[in-house]
Amino acid sequence: MPLILCYIFLCLSLIYSIATLLVIAGNRKKYKIIYRVPSVSIVLAARNEEAVIEKCLKTLKIQNYPKEKLVIIVIDDRSEDKTCKVASDFIKGKPQFKLILISDPPQGLTGKANALKIGIENSRGEIILSTDADCEVPPNWVSSMVSYFSDDVGLVAGFSTPPTKGWFASLQALDHLFLISVASGFAGLGIAQSCIGNNIAFRRNAYDAVGGYDGVGFTVTEDAGLLRAIVKKTNYQISFNLTKPSLVTTRAARNLKELTSQRMRWLNGGIQAGRLMLICLGLTFALVLLTASTLVSWTVHGLEIYSAMATAILMGANLSIIMVNHRFIGISRILRWFIPHQLFFLLYTLYFGVLYIMKRNEIQWKGRAY
């Protein structure tokens, strides 16, 4: 590897490590906890989820929150399987639940954003919570998320993780922890950029102030789009819930095709976020390219001191981000997958980056192309 590239790699790694320290500092922010019981509506958009939605609904049913203050609205987004029947059978005799069927295609929004919009229009809660039909939430999820709504907070985001069963799911669990910790760090610094929609809550007032999902406009990451709209158009702040009672369990991608669809959506959402996120994505992609070049060079020319230093700094920074929140997630046992995760991160960043550059970024999601 040419010496000039080694120097560039080392300099960029040092810049990355400084950014890492800021992310860690952001994750150390102490949020004000409020003990009150506002009215809450949970909106759950579902499409072709017959195999998993009942498990999700069971966890929503046993929430430790006053029943008179909680309504759960399930929106079937033109499912082509038995999702509607499974949901309908489950909610019989349960007045807390409401099922809405969508029959018309969305106008100007993705299917999920349109479904959430319709669900919110049919809700009355002061606080809106949202998760996905392939997720399971802990019993104190609602009360934990609601407690983060101090007067100046408009949206609260939480963490999610796949079950750590098997190597592929374990790598994704580490990846979720890394990526959401970065998002949490940015929010703690007052420059919130993104979140994951399977674990968010927001004020109805904040949602209305930005014009709802219609005001957000078309985006394949409606959750992050809503967050950025609230940051841009209101005076509300963004908080991240860093407590275990708020941790949502999500289904891991089962194969490369599912993972590609998911991460290309996230990549598109990141690129839409604005200049800061573009700089971060560009820095990460440059470091990944340099790391890959370094590994190839080592196989030919042997270990090189400056590139070895840069690689060590980069991996140390990534480990620090993972470590900052891993205890509350309760996944310490899979830290043994850290080195494989770094290779996993390297490969998929190269893969998705090349796909995007080649403009092969059509996203297949729930049987629809965007």
Protein backbone atom coordinates (compact mmCIF):
# COMPACT_ATOMS: atom_id res chain seq x y z
CA MET A 1 0.00 0.00 0.00
CA PRO A 2 1.57 3.37 -0.99
CA LEU A 3 2.86 5.39 1.95
CA ILE A 4 0.65 8.37 1.10
CA LEU A 5 -2.45 6.14 1.38
CA CYS A 6 -1.20 4.88 4.73
CA TYR A 7 -0.92 8.46 5.96
CA ILE A 8 -4.39 9.29 4.66
CA PHE A 9 -5.78 6.14 6.32
CA LEU A 10 -4.15 7.09 9.63
CA CYS A 11 -5.43 10.69 9.48
CA LEU A 12 -8.98 9.63 8.64
CA SER A 13 -8.90 7.03 11.43
CA LEU A 14 -7.90 9.73 13.92
CA ILE A 15 -10.76 11.94 12.70
CA TYR A 16 -13.09 8.95 13.06
CA SER A 17 -11.86 8.33 16.61
CA ILE A 18 -12.56 11.96 17.56
CA ALA A 19 -16.08 11.60 16.16
CA THR A 20 -16.40 8.40 18.18
CA LEU A 21 -15.56 10.24 21.41
CA LEU A 22 -18.32 12.74 20.62
CA VAL A 23 -20.80 9.90 19.96
CA ILE A 24 -19.88 8.30 23.29
CA ALA A 25 -20.33 11.65 25.04
CA GLY A 26 -23.76 11.98 23.43
CA ASN A 27 -24.75 8.57 24.76
CA ARG A 28 -23.85 9.72 28.28
CA LYS A 29 -26.47 12.45 28.27
CA LYS A 30 -28.88 12.24 31.18
CA TYR A 31 -32.50 12.68 30.11
CA LYS A 32 -35.15 14.00 32.45
CA ILE A 33 -37.67 11.33 33.47
CA ILE A 34 -41.30 12.35 33.93
CA TYR A 35 -43.73 10.23 35.95
CA ARG A 36 -47.15 10.82 34.45
CA VAL A 37 -49.76 8.81 32.58
CA PRO A 38 -50.90 10.51 29.36
CA SER A 39 -53.29 8.89 26.90
CA VAL A 40 -51.40 6.65 24.47
CA SER A 41 -52.22 5.21 21.06
CA ILE A 42 -50.07 2.44 19.60
CA VAL A 43 -50.19 2.24 15.81
CA LEU A 44 -49.07 -1.01 14.23
CA ALA A 45 -48.84 -1.16 10.43
CA ALA A 46 -48.81 -4.73 9.10
CA ARG A 47 -48.47 -6.27 5.66
CA ASN A 48 -48.06 -10.01 5.04
CA GLU A 49 -47.15 -10.79 8.65
CA GLU A 50 -49.42 -13.77 9.35
CA ALA A 51 -46.55 -15.79 10.84
CA VAL A 52 -45.48 -13.22 13.45
CA ILE A 53 -48.20 -10.68 14.16
CA GLU A 54 -49.95 -12.68 16.88
CA LYS A 55 -46.76 -12.77 18.98
CA CYS A 56 -46.48 -9.00 18.62
CA LEU A 57 -50.12 -8.45 19.60
CA LYS A 58 -49.71 -10.67 22.67
CA THR A 59 -46.87 -8.50 23.95
CA LEU A 60 -48.90 -5.35 23.33
CA LYS A 61 -51.87 -6.82 25.22
CA ILE A 62 -49.91 -7.31 28.45
CA GLN A 63 -48.52 -3.78 28.73
CA ASN A 64 -48.31 -2.52 32.31
CA TYR A 65 -50.20 0.67 31.55
CA PRO A 66 -53.71 1.76 32.58
CA LYS A 67 -56.15 0.18 30.14
CA GLU A 68 -58.36 3.27 30.04
CA LYS A 69 -55.36 5.27 28.80
CA LEU A 70 -54.19 2.89 26.06
CA VAL A 71 -55.57 2.04 22.62
CA ILE A 72 -53.84 -0.28 20.13
CA ILE A 73 -54.66 0.29 16.46
CA VAL A 74 -53.68 -2.37 13.93
CA ILE A 75 -53.66 -1.30 10.29
CA ASP A 76 -53.69 -4.04 7.68
CA ASP A 77 -51.91 -2.64 4.64
CA ARG A 78 -53.54 -4.70 1.86
CA SER A 79 -51.96 -7.95 3.02
CA GLU A 80 -51.96 -10.85 0.57
CA ASP A 81 -51.88 -13.53 3.27
CA LYS A 82 -53.91 -14.19 6.44
CA THR A 83 -52.57 -11.24 8.43
CA CYS A 84 -56.00 -9.65 8.64
CA LYS A 85 -57.69 -12.85 9.84
CA VAL A 86 -55.03 -13.54 12.48
CA ALA A 87 -55.29 -9.98 13.80
CA SER A 88 -59.10 -10.01 13.66
CA ASP A 89 -59.34 -13.31 15.55
CA PHE A 90 -56.91 -12.09 18.21
CA ILE A 91 -58.63 -8.79 18.99
CA LYS A 92 -62.13 -10.25 19.40
CA GLY A 93 -63.40 -9.36 22.87
CA LYS A 94 -60.48 -6.99 23.48
CA PRO A 95 -61.84 -3.42 23.48
CA GLN A 96 -58.34 -1.93 23.69
CA PHE A 97 -57.69 -3.07 20.12
CA LYS A 98 -58.99 -1.66 16.87
CA LEU A 99 -58.42 -3.07 13.36
CA ILE A 100 -58.39 -0.88 10.24
CA LEU A 101 -58.30 -2.31 6.73
CA ILE A 102 -56.71 -0.37 3.88
CA SER A 103 -58.06 -1.04 0.42
CA ASP A 104 -56.77 1.87 -1.68
CA PRO A 105 -53.13 2.32 -2.78
CA PRO A 106 -51.22 5.20 -1.15
CA GLN A 107 -50.86 8.59 -2.82
CA GLY A 108 -47.40 10.14 -2.51
CA LEU A 109 -46.30 7.95 0.41
CA THR A 110 -44.92 4.47 0.92
CA GLY A 111 -47.41 1.84 2.00
CA LYS A 112 -46.17 1.84 5.59
CA ALA A 113 -46.20 5.63 5.96
CA ASN A 114 -49.71 5.73 4.54
CA ALA A 115 -50.86 2.99 6.92
CA LEU A 116 -49.37 4.79 9.92
CA LYS A 117 -50.98 8.04 8.79
CA ILE A 118 -54.41 6.40 8.63
CA GLY A 119 -53.87 4.76 12.01
CA ILE A 120 -52.93 8.08 13.60
CA GLU A 121 -55.95 9.78 12.04
CA ASN A 122 -58.10 7.19 13.80
CA SER A 123 -56.38 7.62 17.16
CA ARG A 124 -56.75 10.09 20.03
CA GLY A 125 -53.69 9.54 22.21
CA GLU A 126 -51.56 12.46 23.33
CA ILE A 127 -48.55 10.20 22.72
CA ILE A 128 -48.26 7.93 19.67
CA LEU A 129 -46.11 4.80 19.87
CA SER A 130 -45.13 2.65 16.93
CA THR A 131 -43.45 -0.70 16.44
CA ASP A 132 -43.43 -3.32 13.69
CA ALA A 133 -45.57 -6.45 13.39
CA ASP A 134 -42.49 -8.69 13.45
CA CYS A 135 -41.39 -7.27 16.82
CA GLU A 136 -42.05 -8.12 20.46
CA VAL A 137 -42.07 -5.47 23.17
CA PRO A 138 -41.41 -5.86 26.92
CA PRO A 139 -44.27 -5.37 29.44
CA ASN A 140 -43.11 -1.91 30.52
CA TRP A 141 -42.40 -0.64 27.02
CA VAL A 142 -45.19 1.95 26.95
CA SER A 143 -44.55 3.34 30.43
CA SER A 144 -40.78 3.48 29.81
CA MET A 145 -41.09 5.33 26.51
CA VAL A 146 -43.70 7.75 27.89
CA SER A 147 -41.48 8.63 30.86
CA TYR A 148 -38.97 10.34 28.53
CA PHE A 149 -41.46 12.99 27.40
CA SER A 150 -40.39 16.03 29.34
CA ASP A 151 -42.08 19.24 28.17
CA ASP A 152 -39.47 19.99 25.49
CA VAL A 153 -39.31 16.49 23.94
CA GLY A 154 -41.23 15.78 20.75
CA LEU A 155 -39.96 12.31 19.82
CA VAL A 156 -38.41 9.45 21.78
CA ALA A 157 -36.51 6.69 20.00
CA GLY A 158 -35.52 3.37 21.49
CA PHE A 159 -33.22 0.47 20.77
CA SER A 160 -34.10 -2.81 19.09
CA THR A 161 -32.16 -6.02 18.63
CA PRO A 162 -32.67 -9.39 16.92
CA PRO A 163 -32.47 -12.50 19.10
CA THR A 164 -28.88 -13.73 19.17
CA LYS A 165 -29.57 -17.17 17.72
CA GLY A 166 -26.96 -18.25 15.19
CA TRP A 167 -24.06 -16.39 13.67
CA PHE A 168 -26.05 -14.36 11.13
CA ALA A 169 -28.51 -13.03 13.71
CA SER A 170 -25.70 -12.35 16.20
CA LEU A 171 -23.83 -10.25 13.66
CA GLN A 172 -27.01 -8.29 12.98
CA ALA A 173 -27.56 -7.79 16.72
CA LEU A 174 -24.12 -6.25 17.06
CA ASP A 175 -24.79 -4.15 13.99
CA HIS A 176 -28.09 -2.87 15.41
CA LEU A 177 -26.33 -1.95 18.65
CA PHE A 178 -23.56 -0.11 16.78
CA LEU A 179 -25.82 1.82 14.41
CA ILE A 180 -28.44 2.81 17.00
CA SER A 181 -25.70 3.84 19.44
CA VAL A 182 -24.38 6.21 16.78
CA ALA A 183 -27.89 7.61 16.26
CA SER A 184 -28.34 7.95 20.03
CA GLY A 185 -25.01 9.74 20.33
CA PHE A 186 -25.96 12.30 17.70
CA ALA A 187 -29.27 12.92 19.49
CA GLY A 188 -27.47 13.37 22.80
CA LEU A 189 -25.29 16.02 21.16
CA GLY A 190 -28.40 17.87 19.99
CA ILE A 191 -27.94 16.97 16.31
CA ALA A 192 -30.37 14.05 15.93
CA GLN A 193 -30.18 12.44 12.49
CA SER A 194 -32.01 9.12 12.48
CA CYS A 195 -33.85 6.40 14.37
CA ILE A 196 -35.45 3.02 13.67
CA GLY A 197 -39.23 2.95 13.36
CA ASN A 198 -39.79 -0.32 15.22
CA ASN A 199 -39.33 1.54 18.50
CA ILE A 200 -40.41 5.19 18.47
CA ALA A 201 -42.88 7.44 20.27
CA PHE A 202 -43.88 11.00 19.46
CA ARG A 203 -46.22 13.72 20.60
CA ARG A 204 -49.35 14.21 18.56
CA ASN A 205 -48.68 17.96 18.76
CA ALA A 206 -45.24 17.47 17.18
CA TYR A 207 -46.67 15.20 14.49
CA ASP A 208 -49.39 17.70 13.64
CA ALA A 209 -46.94 20.60 13.65
CA VAL A 210 -44.94 19.07 10.77
CA GLY A 211 -48.06 18.16 8.78
CA GLY A 212 -47.89 14.47 9.63
CA TYR A 213 -46.44 12.01 7.15
CA ASP A 214 -47.89 14.07 4.31
CA GLY A 215 -45.73 16.94 5.51
CA VAL A 216 -42.69 14.67 5.73
CA GLY A 217 -43.21 13.63 2.11
CA PHE A 218 -42.14 10.50 0.28
CA THR A 219 -39.29 8.61 1.92
CA VAL A 220 -38.53 4.93 2.36
CA THR A 221 -37.47 5.66 5.95
CA GLU A 222 -40.57 7.41 7.26
CA ASP A 223 -39.37 7.10 10.86
CA ALA A 224 -36.14 9.04 10.31
CA GLY A 225 -38.00 11.43 8.02
CA LEU A 226 -40.44 12.27 10.80
CA LEU A 227 -37.59 12.76 13.27
CA ARG A 228 -35.79 15.18 10.94
CA ALA A 229 -39.03 17.08 10.23
CA ILE A 230 -39.62 17.56 13.96
CA VAL A 231 -36.04 18.79 14.40
CA LYS A 232 -36.30 21.17 11.46
CA LYS A 233 -39.83 22.53 11.84
CA THR A 234 -40.43 22.62 15.61
CA ASN A 235 -38.65 23.56 18.82
CA TYR A 236 -39.05 20.06 20.24
CA GLN A 237 -36.02 17.99 21.22
CA ILE A 238 -35.26 14.33 20.42
CA SER A 239 -34.48 11.81 23.16
CA PHE A 240 -33.22 8.24 23.07
CA ASN A 241 -34.42 5.78 25.68
CA LEU A 242 -31.37 3.92 26.98
CA THR A 243 -33.11 1.62 29.45
CA LYS A 244 -33.75 -2.11 29.16
CA PRO A 245 -37.56 -1.90 29.73
CA SER A 246 -37.78 -0.12 26.38
CA LEU A 247 -35.76 -2.66 24.37
CA VAL A 248 -37.72 -4.12 21.46
CA THR A 249 -36.93 -7.54 20.01
CA THR A 250 -37.07 -7.61 16.24
CA ARG A 251 -36.76 -10.38 13.68
CA ALA A 252 -33.35 -10.71 12.05
CA ALA A 253 -33.07 -10.72 8.27
CA ARG A 254 -33.14 -14.37 7.27
CA ASN A 255 -30.90 -14.16 4.21
CA LEU A 256 -28.82 -11.80 2.09
CA LYS A 257 -31.82 -10.72 0.02
CA GLU A 258 -33.74 -9.51 3.09
CA LEU A 259 -30.64 -7.88 4.53
CA THR A 260 -29.96 -6.08 1.25
CA SER A 261 -33.50 -4.72 1.09
CA GLN A 262 -33.34 -3.51 4.68
CA ARG A 263 -29.91 -1.88 4.51
CA MET A 264 -30.55 -0.22 1.16
CA ARG A 265 -33.60 1.42 2.74
CA TRP A 266 -31.46 2.61 5.62
CA LEU A 267 -28.75 3.85 3.25
CA ASN A 268 -31.28 5.82 1.21
CA GLY A 269 -32.66 7.31 4.40
CA GLY A 270 -29.18 8.30 5.55
CA ILE A 271 -28.41 10.00 2.26
CA GLN A 272 -31.66 11.98 2.54
CA ALA A 273 -30.72 13.16 6.03
CA GLY A 274 -28.55 16.04 4.89
CA ARG A 275 -24.96 17.25 4.87
CA LEU A 276 -23.81 15.91 8.23
CA MET A 277 -24.98 12.39 7.50
CA LEU A 278 -23.47 12.53 4.01
CA ILE A 279 -20.12 13.48 5.55
CA CYS A 280 -20.37 10.58 8.01
CA LEU A 281 -21.33 8.11 5.28
CA GLY A 282 -18.53 9.38 3.04
CA LEU A 283 -15.96 9.09 5.83
CA THR A 284 -17.13 5.58 6.68
CA PHE A 285 -17.03 4.43 3.05
CA ALA A 286 -13.55 5.92 2.55
CA LEU A 287 -12.29 4.12 5.67
CA VAL A 288 -13.85 0.86 4.52
CA LEU A 289 -12.15 1.17 1.13
CA LEU A 290 -8.81 1.89 2.81
CA THR A 291 -9.28 -1.03 5.21
CA ALA A 292 -10.01 -3.39 2.34
CA SER A 293 -6.95 -2.10 0.45
CA THR A 294 -4.86 -2.57 3.59
CA LEU A 295 -5.94 -6.20 4.03
CA VAL A 296 -5.12 -6.93 0.39
CA SER A 297 -1.75 -5.18 0.72
CA TRP A 298 -0.86 -7.16 3.83
CA THR A 299 -1.34 -10.44 2.00
CA VAL A 300 1.18 -9.30 -0.62
CA HIS A 301 3.68 -7.09 1.20
CA GLY A 302 3.22 -8.07 4.82
CA LEU A 303 2.23 -5.88 7.79
CA GLU A 304 2.74 -2.12 7.42
CA ILE A 305 3.11 -0.04 10.57
CA TYR A 306 1.03 3.01 9.64
CA SER A 307 -1.84 1.06 8.12
CA ALA A 308 -1.73 -1.32 11.10
CA MET A 309 -2.02 1.67 13.46
CA ALA A 310 -4.93 3.05 11.46
CA THR A 311 -6.72 -0.31 11.49
CA ALA A 312 -6.23 -0.67 15.24
CA ILE A 313 -7.57 2.85 15.86
CA LEU A 314 -10.59 2.18 13.67
CA MET A 315 -11.46 -1.12 15.34
CA GLY A 316 -10.91 0.36 18.78
CA ALA A 317 -13.32 3.18 17.95
CA ASN A 318 -15.97 0.74 16.71
CA LEU A 319 -15.60 -1.41 19.83
CA SER A 320 -15.97 1.67 22.03
CA ILE A 321 -19.28 2.56 20.35
CA ILE A 322 -20.58 -0.98 20.85
CA MET A 323 -19.45 -1.07 24.49
CA VAL A 324 -21.16 2.18 25.48
CA ASN A 325 -24.66 0.62 25.54
CA HIS A 326 -24.11 -3.14 25.44
CA ARG A 327 -24.85 -3.76 29.14
CA PHE A 328 -28.38 -2.44 29.11
CA ILE A 329 -29.06 -4.38 25.92
CA GLY A 330 -27.91 -7.50 27.76
CA ILE A 331 -25.94 -9.00 24.90
CA SER A 332 -22.45 -9.10 26.44
CA ARG A 333 -22.12 -12.75 25.50
CA ILE A 334 -22.02 -11.97 21.79
CA LEU A 335 -19.10 -9.57 22.03
CA ARG A 336 -17.07 -12.58 20.93
CA TRP A 337 -18.52 -11.86 17.50
CA PHE A 338 -16.86 -8.45 17.38
CA ILE A 339 -14.04 -9.40 14.97
CA PRO A 340 -16.39 -11.26 12.59
CA HIS A 341 -18.74 -8.28 12.83
CA GLN A 342 -15.98 -5.95 11.65
CA LEU A 343 -15.49 -8.13 8.57
CA PHE A 344 -19.28 -8.29 8.12
CA PHE A 345 -19.50 -4.49 8.35
CA LEU A 346 -16.62 -4.12 5.88
CA LEU A 347 -18.19 -6.43 3.31
CA TYR A 348 -21.72 -5.11 3.46
CA THR A 349 -20.58 -1.47 3.39
CA LEU A 350 -18.59 -2.15 0.24
CA TYR A 351 -21.44 -4.14 -1.27
CA PHE A 352 -24.19 -1.60 -0.57
CA GLY A 353 -21.97 1.34 -1.42
CA VAL A 354 -21.18 -0.13 -4.83
CA LEU A 355 -24.88 -0.94 -5.41
CA TYR A 356 -25.81 2.65 -4.66
CA ILE A 357 -23.04 4.11 -6.83
CA MET A 358 -24.18 1.88 -9.70
CA LYS A 359 -27.73 3.19 -9.08
CA ARG A 360 -29.00 -0.31 -8.45
CA ASN A 361 -30.84 0.95 -5.45
CA GLU A 362 -34.39 -0.10 -6.19
CA ILE A 363 -35.82 -1.23 -2.89
CA GLN A 364 -38.06 -4.26 -2.59
CA TRP A 365 -40.10 -4.11 0.58
CA LYS A 366 -43.13 -6.20 1.52
CA GLY A 367 -43.68 -7.13 -2.12
CA ARG A 368 -43.41 -3.53 -3.35
CA ALA A 369 -40.67 -1.77 -5.28
CA TYR A 370 -39.54 1.79 -4.50
